[in-house]
Amino acid sequence: FSTAFIPFLCIALTACGTAGDGNNGGVTGGQGDFNQYEENLETAAD
């Protein structure tokens, strides 16, 4: 995510880096929940 969110879709959904596999070095618990969030982010971006 960019630190600038306005407009959110322009920055966070359509101008972000390439998505990975959700295992980027560290969810302190709840990795599965974060992966679910990332899946929803991908769908929302599409």
ModelCIF file with pLDDT and N, C-alpha, C, O atoms, coordinates in Angstrom:
data_MODEL
#
_entry.id   MODEL 
#
_entity.id                         1 
_entity.type                       polymer 
_entity.pdbx_number_of_molecules   1 
#
_entity_poly.entity_id                      1 
_entity_poly.type                           'polypeptide(L)' 
_entity_poly.nstd_linkage                   no 
_entity_poly.nstd_monomer                   no 
_entity_poly.pdbx_seq_one_letter_code       FSTAFIPFLCIALTACGTAGDGNNGGVTGGQGDFNQYEENLETAAD 
_entity_poly.pdbx_seq_one_letter_code_can   FSTAFIPFLCIALTACGTAGDGNNGGVTGGQGDFNQYEENLETAAD 
_entity_poly.pdbx_strand_id                 A 
#
loop_
_entity_poly_seq.entity_id 
_entity_poly_seq.num 
_entity_poly_seq.mon_id 
_entity_poly_seq.hetero 
1 1  PHE n 
1 2  SER n 
1 3  THR n 
1 4  ALA n 
1 5  PHE n 
1 6  ILE n 
1 7  PRO n 
1 8  PHE n 
1 9  LEU n 
1 10 CYS n 
1 11 ILE n 
1 12 ALA n 
1 13 LEU n 
1 14 THR n 
1 15 ALA n 
1 16 CYS n 
1 17 GLY n 
1 18 THR n 
1 19 ALA n 
1 20 GLY n 
1 21 ASP n 
1 22 GLY n 
1 23 ASN n 
1 24 ASN n 
1 25 GLY n 
1 26 GLY n 
1 27 VAL n 
1 28 THR n 
1 29 GLY n 
1 30 GLY n 
1 31 GLN n 
1 32 GLY n 
1 33 ASP n 
1 34 PHE n 
1 35 ASN n 
1 36 GLN n 
1 37 TYR n 
1 38 GLU n 
1 39 GLU n 
1 40 ASN n 
1 41 LEU n 
1 42 GLU n 
1 43 THR n 
1 44 ALA n 
1 45 ALA n 
1 46 ASP n 
#
_struct_asym.id          A 
_struct_asym.entity_id   1 
#
loop_
_ma_qa_metric.id 
_ma_qa_metric.mode 
_ma_qa_metric.name 
_ma_qa_metric.software_group_id 
_ma_qa_metric.type 
1 global pLDDT . pLDDT 
2 local  pLDDT . pLDDT 
#
_ma_qa_metric_global.metric_id      1 
_ma_qa_metric_global.metric_value   55.48 
_ma_qa_metric_global.model_id       1 
_ma_qa_metric_global.ordinal_id     1 
#
loop_
_ma_qa_metric_local.label_asym_id 
_ma_qa_metric_local.label_comp_id 
_ma_qa_metric_local.label_seq_id 
_ma_qa_metric_local.metric_id 
_ma_qa_metric_local.metric_value 
_ma_qa_metric_local.model_id 
_ma_qa_metric_local.ordinal_id 
A PHE 1  2 28.00 1 1  
A SER 2  2 28.00 1 2  
A THR 3  2 28.00 1 3  
A ALA 4  2 29.00 1 4  
A PHE 5  2 31.00 1 5  
A ILE 6  2 34.00 1 6  
A PRO 7  2 43.00 1 7  
A PHE 8  2 46.00 1 8  
A LEU 9  2 44.00 1 9  
A CYS 10 2 41.00 1 10 
A ILE 11 2 38.00 1 11 
A ALA 12 2 44.00 1 12 
A LEU 13 2 40.00 1 13 
A THR 14 2 34.00 1 14 
A ALA 15 2 30.00 1 15 
A CYS 16 2 35.00 1 16 
A GLY 17 2 31.00 1 17 
A THR 18 2 28.00 1 18 
A ALA 19 2 33.00 1 19 
A GLY 20 2 35.00 1 20 
A ASP 21 2 38.00 1 21 
A GLY 22 2 39.00 1 22 
A ASN 23 2 39.00 1 23 
A ASN 24 2 43.00 1 24 
A GLY 25 2 45.00 1 25 
A GLY 26 2 53.00 1 26 
A VAL 27 2 57.00 1 27 
A THR 28 2 54.00 1 28 
A GLY 29 2 55.00 1 29 
A GLY 30 2 63.00 1 30 
A GLN 31 2 72.00 1 31 
A GLY 32 2 72.00 1 32 
A ASP 33 2 86.00 1 33 
A PHE 34 2 85.00 1 34 
A ASN 35 2 88.00 1 35 
A GLN 36 2 88.00 1 36 
A TYR 37 2 88.00 1 37 
A GLU 38 2 87.00 1 38 
A GLU 39 2 90.00 1 39 
A ASN 40 2 89.00 1 40 
A LEU 41 2 87.00 1 41 
A GLU 42 2 88.00 1 42 
A THR 43 2 89.00 1 43 
A ALA 44 2 87.00 1 44 
A ALA 45 2 85.00 1 45 
A ASP 46 2 85.00 1 46 
#
loop_
_atom_site.group_PDB 
_atom_site.id 
_atom_site.type_symbol 
_atom_site.label_atom_id 
_atom_site.label_alt_id 
_atom_site.label_comp_id 
_atom_site.label_asym_id 
_atom_site.label_entity_id 
_atom_site.label_seq_id 
_atom_site.pdbx_PDB_ins_code 
_atom_site.Cartn_x 
_atom_site.Cartn_y 
_atom_site.Cartn_z 
_atom_site.occupancy 
_atom_site.B_iso_or_equiv 
_atom_site.pdbx_formal_charge 
_atom_site.auth_seq_id 
_atom_site.auth_comp_id 
_atom_site.auth_asym_id 
_atom_site.auth_atom_id 
_atom_site.pdbx_PDB_model_num 
ATOM 1   N N  . PHE A 1 1  ? 0.826   -1.191  0.000   1.00 28.00 ? 1  PHE A N  1 
ATOM 2   C CA . PHE A 1 1  ? 0.000   0.000   0.000   1.00 28.00 ? 1  PHE A CA 1 
ATOM 3   C C  . PHE A 1 1  ? 0.864   1.247   0.000   1.00 28.00 ? 1  PHE A C  1 
ATOM 4   O O  . PHE A 1 1  ? 1.867   1.322   0.710   1.00 28.00 ? 1  PHE A O  1 
ATOM 5   N N  . SER A 1 2  ? 0.471   2.209   -0.791  1.00 28.00 ? 2  SER A N  1 
ATOM 6   C CA . SER A 1 2  ? 1.095   3.515   -0.702  1.00 28.00 ? 2  SER A CA 1 
ATOM 7   C C  . SER A 1 2  ? 0.628   4.196   0.570   1.00 28.00 ? 2  SER A C  1 
ATOM 8   O O  . SER A 1 2  ? -0.437  3.869   1.095   1.00 28.00 ? 2  SER A O  1 
ATOM 9   N N  . THR A 1 3  ? 1.419   5.144   1.076   1.00 28.00 ? 3  THR A N  1 
ATOM 10  C CA . THR A 1 3  ? 0.990   5.883   2.249   1.00 28.00 ? 3  THR A CA 1 
ATOM 11  C C  . THR A 1 3  ? -0.057  6.926   1.889   1.00 28.00 ? 3  THR A C  1 
ATOM 12  O O  . THR A 1 3  ? -0.669  7.516   2.780   1.00 28.00 ? 3  THR A O  1 
ATOM 13  N N  . ALA A 1 4  ? -0.273  7.162   0.608   1.00 29.00 ? 4  ALA A N  1 
ATOM 14  C CA . ALA A 1 4  ? -1.331  8.076   0.174   1.00 29.00 ? 4  ALA A CA 1 
ATOM 15  C C  . ALA A 1 4  ? -2.512  7.243   -0.285  1.00 29.00 ? 4  ALA A C  1 
ATOM 16  O O  . ALA A 1 4  ? -2.365  6.396   -1.165  1.00 29.00 ? 4  ALA A O  1 
ATOM 17  N N  . PHE A 1 5  ? -3.684  7.470   0.297   1.00 31.00 ? 5  PHE A N  1 
ATOM 18  C CA . PHE A 1 5  ? -4.828  6.618   0.010   1.00 31.00 ? 5  PHE A CA 1 
ATOM 19  C C  . PHE A 1 5  ? -5.929  7.321   -0.767  1.00 31.00 ? 5  PHE A C  1 
ATOM 20  O O  . PHE A 1 5  ? -6.928  6.682   -1.097  1.00 31.00 ? 5  PHE A O  1 
ATOM 21  N N  . ILE A 1 6  ? -5.796  8.601   -1.073  1.00 34.00 ? 6  ILE A N  1 
ATOM 22  C CA . ILE A 1 6  ? -6.901  9.318   -1.685  1.00 34.00 ? 6  ILE A CA 1 
ATOM 23  C C  . ILE A 1 6  ? -6.532  9.691   -3.113  1.00 34.00 ? 6  ILE A C  1 
ATOM 24  O O  . ILE A 1 6  ? -5.563  10.426  -3.301  1.00 34.00 ? 6  ILE A O  1 
ATOM 25  N N  . PRO A 1 7  ? -7.267  9.215   -4.154  1.00 43.00 ? 7  PRO A N  1 
ATOM 26  C CA . PRO A 1 7  ? -8.371  8.279   -3.977  1.00 43.00 ? 7  PRO A CA 1 
ATOM 27  C C  . PRO A 1 7  ? -7.857  6.869   -3.724  1.00 43.00 ? 7  PRO A C  1 
ATOM 28  O O  . PRO A 1 7  ? -6.875  6.447   -4.336  1.00 43.00 ? 7  PRO A O  1 
ATOM 29  N N  . PHE A 1 8  ? -8.503  6.147   -2.842  1.00 46.00 ? 8  PHE A N  1 
ATOM 30  C CA . PHE A 1 8  ? -8.039  4.828   -2.402  1.00 46.00 ? 8  PHE A CA 1 
ATOM 31  C C  . PHE A 1 8  ? -7.894  3.852   -3.565  1.00 46.00 ? 8  PHE A C  1 
ATOM 32  O O  . PHE A 1 8  ? -6.882  3.159   -3.669  1.00 46.00 ? 8  PHE A O  1 
ATOM 33  N N  . LEU A 1 9  ? -8.883  3.794   -4.426  1.00 44.00 ? 9  LEU A N  1 
ATOM 34  C CA . LEU A 1 9  ? -8.825  2.806   -5.497  1.00 44.00 ? 9  LEU A CA 1 
ATOM 35  C C  . LEU A 1 9  ? -7.672  3.085   -6.434  1.00 44.00 ? 9  LEU A C  1 
ATOM 36  O O  . LEU A 1 9  ? -7.012  2.159   -6.906  1.00 44.00 ? 9  LEU A O  1 
ATOM 37  N N  . CYS A 1 10 ? -7.425  4.348   -6.705  1.00 41.00 ? 10 CYS A N  1 
ATOM 38  C CA . CYS A 1 10 ? -6.350  4.705   -7.631  1.00 41.00 ? 10 CYS A CA 1 
ATOM 39  C C  . CYS A 1 10 ? -5.005  4.285   -7.084  1.00 41.00 ? 10 CYS A C  1 
ATOM 40  O O  . CYS A 1 10 ? -4.144  3.826   -7.834  1.00 41.00 ? 10 CYS A O  1 
ATOM 41  N N  . ILE A 1 11 ? -4.814  4.438   -5.776  1.00 38.00 ? 11 ILE A N  1 
ATOM 42  C CA . ILE A 1 11 ? -3.515  4.151   -5.187  1.00 38.00 ? 11 ILE A CA 1 
ATOM 43  C C  . ILE A 1 11 ? -3.416  2.703   -4.733  1.00 38.00 ? 11 ILE A C  1 
ATOM 44  O O  . ILE A 1 11 ? -2.495  1.987   -5.126  1.00 38.00 ? 11 ILE A O  1 
ATOM 45  N N  . ALA A 1 12 ? -4.361  2.270   -3.906  1.00 44.00 ? 12 ALA A N  1 
ATOM 46  C CA . ALA A 1 12 ? -4.209  0.984   -3.229  1.00 44.00 ? 12 ALA A CA 1 
ATOM 47  C C  . ALA A 1 12 ? -4.664  -0.203  -4.056  1.00 44.00 ? 12 ALA A C  1 
ATOM 48  O O  . ALA A 1 12 ? -4.171  -1.314  -3.863  1.00 44.00 ? 12 ALA A O  1 
ATOM 49  N N  . LEU A 1 13 ? -5.606  0.014   -4.982  1.00 40.00 ? 13 LEU A N  1 
ATOM 50  C CA . LEU A 1 13 ? -6.137  -1.126  -5.715  1.00 40.00 ? 13 LEU A CA 1 
ATOM 51  C C  . LEU A 1 13 ? -5.614  -1.230  -7.141  1.00 40.00 ? 13 LEU A C  1 
ATOM 52  O O  . LEU A 1 13 ? -5.466  -2.339  -7.655  1.00 40.00 ? 13 LEU A O  1 
ATOM 53  N N  . THR A 1 14 ? -5.332  -0.115  -7.790  1.00 34.00 ? 14 THR A N  1 
ATOM 54  C CA . THR A 1 14 ? -4.951  -0.214  -9.193  1.00 34.00 ? 14 THR A CA 1 
ATOM 55  C C  . THR A 1 14 ? -3.529  0.211   -9.462  1.00 34.00 ? 14 THR A C  1 
ATOM 56  O O  . THR A 1 14 ? -3.049  0.063   -10.586 1.00 34.00 ? 14 THR A O  1 
ATOM 57  N N  . ALA A 1 15 ? -2.835  0.737   -8.462  1.00 30.00 ? 15 ALA A N  1 
ATOM 58  C CA . ALA A 1 15 ? -1.471  1.199   -8.701  1.00 30.00 ? 15 ALA A CA 1 
ATOM 59  C C  . ALA A 1 15 ? -0.486  0.603   -7.718  1.00 30.00 ? 15 ALA A C  1 
ATOM 60  O O  . ALA A 1 15 ? 0.545   1.207   -7.424  1.00 30.00 ? 15 ALA A O  1 
ATOM 61  N N  . CYS A 1 16 ? -0.797  -0.579  -7.210  1.00 35.00 ? 16 CYS A N  1 
ATOM 62  C CA . CYS A 1 16 ? 0.082   -1.208  -6.230  1.00 35.00 ? 16 CYS A CA 1 
ATOM 63  C C  . CYS A 1 16 ? 1.053   -2.137  -6.921  1.00 35.00 ? 16 CYS A C  1 
ATOM 64  O O  . CYS A 1 16 ? 0.997   -2.340  -8.134  1.00 35.00 ? 16 CYS A O  1 
ATOM 65  N N  . GLY A 1 17 ? 1.954   -2.704  -6.113  1.00 31.00 ? 17 GLY A N  1 
ATOM 66  C CA . GLY A 1 17 ? 2.913   -3.653  -6.634  1.00 31.00 ? 17 GLY A CA 1 
ATOM 67  C C  . GLY A 1 17 ? 2.249   -4.976  -6.952  1.00 31.00 ? 17 GLY A C  1 
ATOM 68  O O  . GLY A 1 17 ? 1.053   -5.153  -6.721  1.00 31.00 ? 17 GLY A O  1 
ATOM 69  N N  . THR A 1 18 ? 3.020   -5.893  -7.476  1.00 28.00 ? 18 THR A N  1 
ATOM 70  C CA . THR A 1 18 ? 2.498   -7.207  -7.832  1.00 28.00 ? 18 THR A CA 1 
ATOM 71  C C  . THR A 1 18 ? 2.196   -8.005  -6.588  1.00 28.00 ? 18 THR A C  1 
ATOM 72  O O  . THR A 1 18 ? 2.993   -8.037  -5.650  1.00 28.00 ? 18 THR A O  1 
ATOM 73  N N  . ALA A 1 19 ? 1.056   -8.643  -6.580  1.00 33.00 ? 19 ALA A N  1 
ATOM 74  C CA . ALA A 1 19 ? 0.676   -9.425  -5.408  1.00 33.00 ? 19 ALA A CA 1 
ATOM 75  C C  . ALA A 1 19 ? 1.484   -10.709 -5.351  1.00 33.00 ? 19 ALA A C  1 
ATOM 76  O O  . ALA A 1 19 ? 1.884   -11.272 -6.370  1.00 33.00 ? 19 ALA A O  1 
ATOM 77  N N  . GLY A 1 20 ? 1.709   -11.152 -4.112  1.00 35.00 ? 20 GLY A N  1 
ATOM 78  C CA . GLY A 1 20 ? 2.440   -12.395 -3.912  1.00 35.00 ? 20 GLY A CA 1 
ATOM 79  C C  . GLY A 1 20 ? 1.529   -13.480 -3.395  1.00 35.00 ? 20 GLY A C  1 
ATOM 80  O O  . GLY A 1 20 ? 0.332   -13.500 -3.681  1.00 35.00 ? 20 GLY A O  1 
ATOM 81  N N  . ASP A 1 21 ? 2.119   -14.396 -2.620  1.00 38.00 ? 21 ASP A N  1 
ATOM 82  C CA . ASP A 1 21 ? 1.342   -15.538 -2.150  1.00 38.00 ? 21 ASP A CA 1 
ATOM 83  C C  . ASP A 1 21 ? 0.836   -15.353 -0.744  1.00 38.00 ? 21 ASP A C  1 
ATOM 84  O O  . ASP A 1 21 ? 0.354   -16.310 -0.138  1.00 38.00 ? 21 ASP A O  1 
ATOM 85  N N  . GLY A 1 22 ? 0.929   -14.133 -0.194  1.00 39.00 ? 22 GLY A N  1 
ATOM 86  C CA . GLY A 1 22 ? 0.435   -13.863 1.136   1.00 39.00 ? 22 GLY A CA 1 
ATOM 87  C C  . GLY A 1 22 ? 1.433   -14.203 2.223   1.00 39.00 ? 22 GLY A C  1 
ATOM 88  O O  . GLY A 1 22 ? 1.183   -13.905 3.391   1.00 39.00 ? 22 GLY A O  1 
ATOM 89  N N  . ASN A 1 23 ? 2.565   -14.820 1.878   1.00 39.00 ? 23 ASN A N  1 
ATOM 90  C CA . ASN A 1 23 ? 3.554   -15.180 2.880   1.00 39.00 ? 23 ASN A CA 1 
ATOM 91  C C  . ASN A 1 23 ? 4.778   -14.292 2.686   1.00 39.00 ? 23 ASN A C  1 
ATOM 92  O O  . ASN A 1 23 ? 5.781   -14.716 2.111   1.00 39.00 ? 23 ASN A O  1 
ATOM 93  N N  . ASN A 1 24 ? 4.686   -13.060 3.170   1.00 43.00 ? 24 ASN A N  1 
ATOM 94  C CA . ASN A 1 24 ? 5.744   -12.101 2.906   1.00 43.00 ? 24 ASN A CA 1 
ATOM 95  C C  . ASN A 1 24 ? 6.553   -11.811 4.149   1.00 43.00 ? 24 ASN A C  1 
ATOM 96  O O  . ASN A 1 24 ? 7.158   -10.742 4.238   1.00 43.00 ? 24 ASN A O  1 
ATOM 97  N N  . GLY A 1 25 ? 6.592   -12.707 5.103   1.00 45.00 ? 25 GLY A N  1 
ATOM 98  C CA . GLY A 1 25 ? 7.525   -12.586 6.181   1.00 45.00 ? 25 GLY A CA 1 
ATOM 99  C C  . GLY A 1 25 ? 6.923   -12.253 7.499   1.00 45.00 ? 25 GLY A C  1 
ATOM 100 O O  . GLY A 1 25 ? 7.658   -11.978 8.447   1.00 45.00 ? 25 GLY A O  1 
ATOM 101 N N  . GLY A 1 26 ? 5.627   -12.263 7.612   1.00 53.00 ? 26 GLY A N  1 
ATOM 102 C CA . GLY A 1 26 ? 5.301   -12.181 8.980   1.00 53.00 ? 26 GLY A CA 1 
ATOM 103 C C  . GLY A 1 26 ? 3.975   -11.667 9.405   1.00 53.00 ? 26 GLY A C  1 
ATOM 104 O O  . GLY A 1 26 ? 3.828   -10.467 9.640   1.00 53.00 ? 26 GLY A O  1 
ATOM 105 N N  . VAL A 1 27 ? 3.005   -12.519 9.514   1.00 57.00 ? 27 VAL A N  1 
ATOM 106 C CA . VAL A 1 27 ? 1.785   -12.191 10.242  1.00 57.00 ? 27 VAL A CA 1 
ATOM 107 C C  . VAL A 1 27 ? 1.933   -12.780 11.629  1.00 57.00 ? 27 VAL A C  1 
ATOM 108 O O  . VAL A 1 27 ? 2.165   -13.979 11.788  1.00 57.00 ? 27 VAL A O  1 
ATOM 109 N N  . THR A 1 28 ? 1.797   -11.927 12.631  1.00 54.00 ? 28 THR A N  1 
ATOM 110 C CA . THR A 1 28 ? 1.970   -12.406 14.012  1.00 54.00 ? 28 THR A CA 1 
ATOM 111 C C  . THR A 1 28 ? 0.691   -13.103 14.464  1.00 54.00 ? 28 THR A C  1 
ATOM 112 O O  . THR A 1 28 ? -0.013  -12.616 15.350  1.00 54.00 ? 28 THR A O  1 
ATOM 113 N N  . GLY A 1 29 ? 0.400   -14.238 13.851  1.00 55.00 ? 29 GLY A N  1 
ATOM 114 C CA . GLY A 1 29 ? -0.851  -14.946 14.098  1.00 55.00 ? 29 GLY A CA 1 
ATOM 115 C C  . GLY A 1 29 ? -1.862  -14.568 13.043  1.00 55.00 ? 29 GLY A C  1 
ATOM 116 O O  . GLY A 1 29 ? -1.861  -13.437 12.558  1.00 55.00 ? 29 GLY A O  1 
ATOM 117 N N  . GLY A 1 30 ? -2.728  -15.502 12.678  1.00 63.00 ? 30 GLY A N  1 
ATOM 118 C CA . GLY A 1 30 ? -3.796  -15.192 11.732  1.00 63.00 ? 30 GLY A CA 1 
ATOM 119 C C  . GLY A 1 30 ? -3.346  -15.124 10.290  1.00 63.00 ? 30 GLY A C  1 
ATOM 120 O O  . GLY A 1 30 ? -3.902  -14.341 9.520   1.00 63.00 ? 30 GLY A O  1 
ATOM 121 N N  . GLN A 1 31 ? -2.344  -15.926 9.886   1.00 72.00 ? 31 GLN A N  1 
ATOM 122 C CA . GLN A 1 31 ? -1.896  -15.902 8.497   1.00 72.00 ? 31 GLN A CA 1 
ATOM 123 C C  . GLN A 1 31 ? -3.035  -16.249 7.546   1.00 72.00 ? 31 GLN A C  1 
ATOM 124 O O  . GLN A 1 31 ? -3.178  -15.629 6.493   1.00 72.00 ? 31 GLN A O  1 
ATOM 125 N N  . GLY A 1 32 ? -3.847  -17.241 7.916   1.00 72.00 ? 32 GLY A N  1 
ATOM 126 C CA . GLY A 1 32 ? -4.967  -17.613 7.059   1.00 72.00 ? 32 GLY A CA 1 
ATOM 127 C C  . GLY A 1 32 ? -5.945  -16.482 6.876   1.00 72.00 ? 32 GLY A C  1 
ATOM 128 O O  . GLY A 1 32 ? -6.465  -16.287 5.777   1.00 72.00 ? 32 GLY A O  1 
ATOM 129 N N  . ASP A 1 33 ? -6.211  -15.723 7.937   1.00 86.00 ? 33 ASP A N  1 
ATOM 130 C CA . ASP A 1 33 ? -7.117  -14.591 7.832   1.00 86.00 ? 33 ASP A CA 1 
ATOM 131 C C  . ASP A 1 33 ? -6.536  -13.512 6.923   1.00 86.00 ? 33 ASP A C  1 
ATOM 132 O O  . ASP A 1 33 ? -7.263  -12.887 6.151   1.00 86.00 ? 33 ASP A O  1 
ATOM 133 N N  . PHE A 1 34 ? -5.225  -13.296 7.017   1.00 85.00 ? 34 PHE A N  1 
ATOM 134 C CA . PHE A 1 34 ? -4.608  -12.281 6.157   1.00 85.00 ? 34 PHE A CA 1 
ATOM 135 C C  . PHE A 1 34 ? -4.635  -12.730 4.698   1.00 85.00 ? 34 PHE A C  1 
ATOM 136 O O  . PHE A 1 34 ? -4.848  -11.914 3.801   1.00 85.00 ? 34 PHE A O  1 
ATOM 137 N N  . ASN A 1 35 ? -4.419  -14.029 4.458   1.00 88.00 ? 35 ASN A N  1 
ATOM 138 C CA . ASN A 1 35 ? -4.520  -14.538 3.093   1.00 88.00 ? 35 ASN A CA 1 
ATOM 139 C C  . ASN A 1 35 ? -5.915  -14.326 2.530   1.00 88.00 ? 35 ASN A C  1 
ATOM 140 O O  . ASN A 1 35 ? -6.068  -14.001 1.352   1.00 88.00 ? 35 ASN A O  1 
ATOM 141 N N  . GLN A 1 36 ? -6.949  -14.509 3.376   1.00 88.00 ? 36 GLN A N  1 
ATOM 142 C CA . GLN A 1 36 ? -8.322  -14.278 2.938   1.00 88.00 ? 36 GLN A CA 1 
ATOM 143 C C  . GLN A 1 36 ? -8.533  -12.819 2.574   1.00 88.00 ? 36 GLN A C  1 
ATOM 144 O O  . GLN A 1 36 ? -9.184  -12.504 1.578   1.00 88.00 ? 36 GLN A O  1 
ATOM 145 N N  . TYR A 1 37 ? -7.971  -11.924 3.395   1.00 88.00 ? 37 TYR A N  1 
ATOM 146 C CA . TYR A 1 37 ? -8.048  -10.494 3.082   1.00 88.00 ? 37 TYR A CA 1 
ATOM 147 C C  . TYR A 1 37 ? -7.390  -10.208 1.739   1.00 88.00 ? 37 TYR A C  1 
ATOM 148 O O  . TYR A 1 37 ? -7.943  -9.471  0.923   1.00 88.00 ? 37 TYR A O  1 
ATOM 149 N N  . GLU A 1 38 ? -6.202  -10.789 1.499   1.00 87.00 ? 38 GLU A N  1 
ATOM 150 C CA . GLU A 1 38 ? -5.504  -10.534 0.245   1.00 87.00 ? 38 GLU A CA 1 
ATOM 151 C C  . GLU A 1 38 ? -6.283  -11.061 -0.955  1.00 87.00 ? 38 GLU A C  1 
ATOM 152 O O  . GLU A 1 38 ? -6.277  -10.446 -2.021  1.00 87.00 ? 38 GLU A O  1 
ATOM 153 N N  . GLU A 1 39 ? -6.952  -12.195 -0.783  1.00 90.00 ? 39 GLU A N  1 
ATOM 154 C CA . GLU A 1 39 ? -7.781  -12.720 -1.872  1.00 90.00 ? 39 GLU A CA 1 
ATOM 155 C C  . GLU A 1 39 ? -8.908  -11.744 -2.197  1.00 90.00 ? 39 GLU A C  1 
ATOM 156 O O  . GLU A 1 39 ? -9.203  -11.490 -3.365  1.00 90.00 ? 39 GLU A O  1 
ATOM 157 N N  . ASN A 1 40 ? -9.531  -11.204 -1.161  1.00 89.00 ? 40 ASN A N  1 
ATOM 158 C CA . ASN A 1 40 ? -10.600 -10.232 -1.386  1.00 89.00 ? 40 ASN A CA 1 
ATOM 159 C C  . ASN A 1 40 ? -10.060 -8.951  -2.006  1.00 89.00 ? 40 ASN A C  1 
ATOM 160 O O  . ASN A 1 40 ? -10.736 -8.313  -2.812  1.00 89.00 ? 40 ASN A O  1 
ATOM 161 N N  . LEU A 1 41 ? -8.839  -8.576  -1.629  1.00 87.00 ? 41 LEU A N  1 
ATOM 162 C CA . LEU A 1 41 ? -8.218  -7.403  -2.233  1.00 87.00 ? 41 LEU A CA 1 
ATOM 163 C C  . LEU A 1 41 ? -7.999  -7.607  -3.722  1.00 87.00 ? 41 LEU A C  1 
ATOM 164 O O  . LEU A 1 41 ? -8.237  -6.702  -4.522  1.00 87.00 ? 41 LEU A O  1 
ATOM 165 N N  . GLU A 1 42 ? -7.539  -8.809  -4.095  1.00 88.00 ? 42 GLU A N  1 
ATOM 166 C CA . GLU A 1 42 ? -7.325  -9.110  -5.501  1.00 88.00 ? 42 GLU A CA 1 
ATOM 167 C C  . GLU A 1 42 ? -8.626  -9.035  -6.296  1.00 88.00 ? 42 GLU A C  1 
ATOM 168 O O  . GLU A 1 42 ? -8.670  -8.462  -7.384  1.00 88.00 ? 42 GLU A O  1 
ATOM 169 N N  . THR A 1 43 ? -9.685  -9.622  -5.738  1.00 89.00 ? 43 THR A N  1 
ATOM 170 C CA . THR A 1 43 ? -10.980 -9.595  -6.418  1.00 89.00 ? 43 THR A CA 1 
ATOM 171 C C  . THR A 1 43 ? -11.482 -8.163  -6.556  1.00 89.00 ? 43 THR A C  1 
ATOM 172 O O  . THR A 1 43 ? -11.968 -7.766  -7.615  1.00 89.00 ? 43 THR A O  1 
ATOM 173 N N  . ALA A 1 44 ? -11.362 -7.390  -5.476  1.00 87.00 ? 44 ALA A N  1 
ATOM 174 C CA . ALA A 1 44 ? -11.801 -5.998  -5.520  1.00 87.00 ? 44 ALA A CA 1 
ATOM 175 C C  . ALA A 1 44 ? -11.032 -5.217  -6.568  1.00 87.00 ? 44 ALA A C  1 
ATOM 176 O O  . ALA A 1 44 ? -11.612 -4.395  -7.277  1.00 87.00 ? 44 ALA A O  1 
ATOM 177 N N  . ALA A 1 45 ? -9.720  -5.467  -6.676  1.00 85.00 ? 45 ALA A N  1 
ATOM 178 C CA . ALA A 1 45 ? -8.905  -4.764  -7.662  1.00 85.00 ? 45 ALA A CA 1 
ATOM 179 C C  . ALA A 1 45 ? -9.348  -5.099  -9.076  1.00 85.00 ? 45 ALA A C  1 
ATOM 180 O O  . ALA A 1 45 ? -9.408  -4.220  -9.936  1.00 85.00 ? 45 ALA A O  1 
ATOM 181 N N  . ASP A 1 46 ? -9.660  -6.376  -9.322  1.00 85.00 ? 46 ASP A N  1 
ATOM 182 C CA . ASP A 1 46 ? -10.101 -6.785  -10.654 1.00 85.00 ? 46 ASP A CA 1 
ATOM 183 C C  . ASP A 1 46 ? -11.431 -6.130  -11.012 1.00 85.00 ? 46 ASP A C  1 
ATOM 184 O O  . ASP A 1 46 ? -11.958 -6.359  -12.100 1.00 85.00 ? 46 ASP A O  1 
#
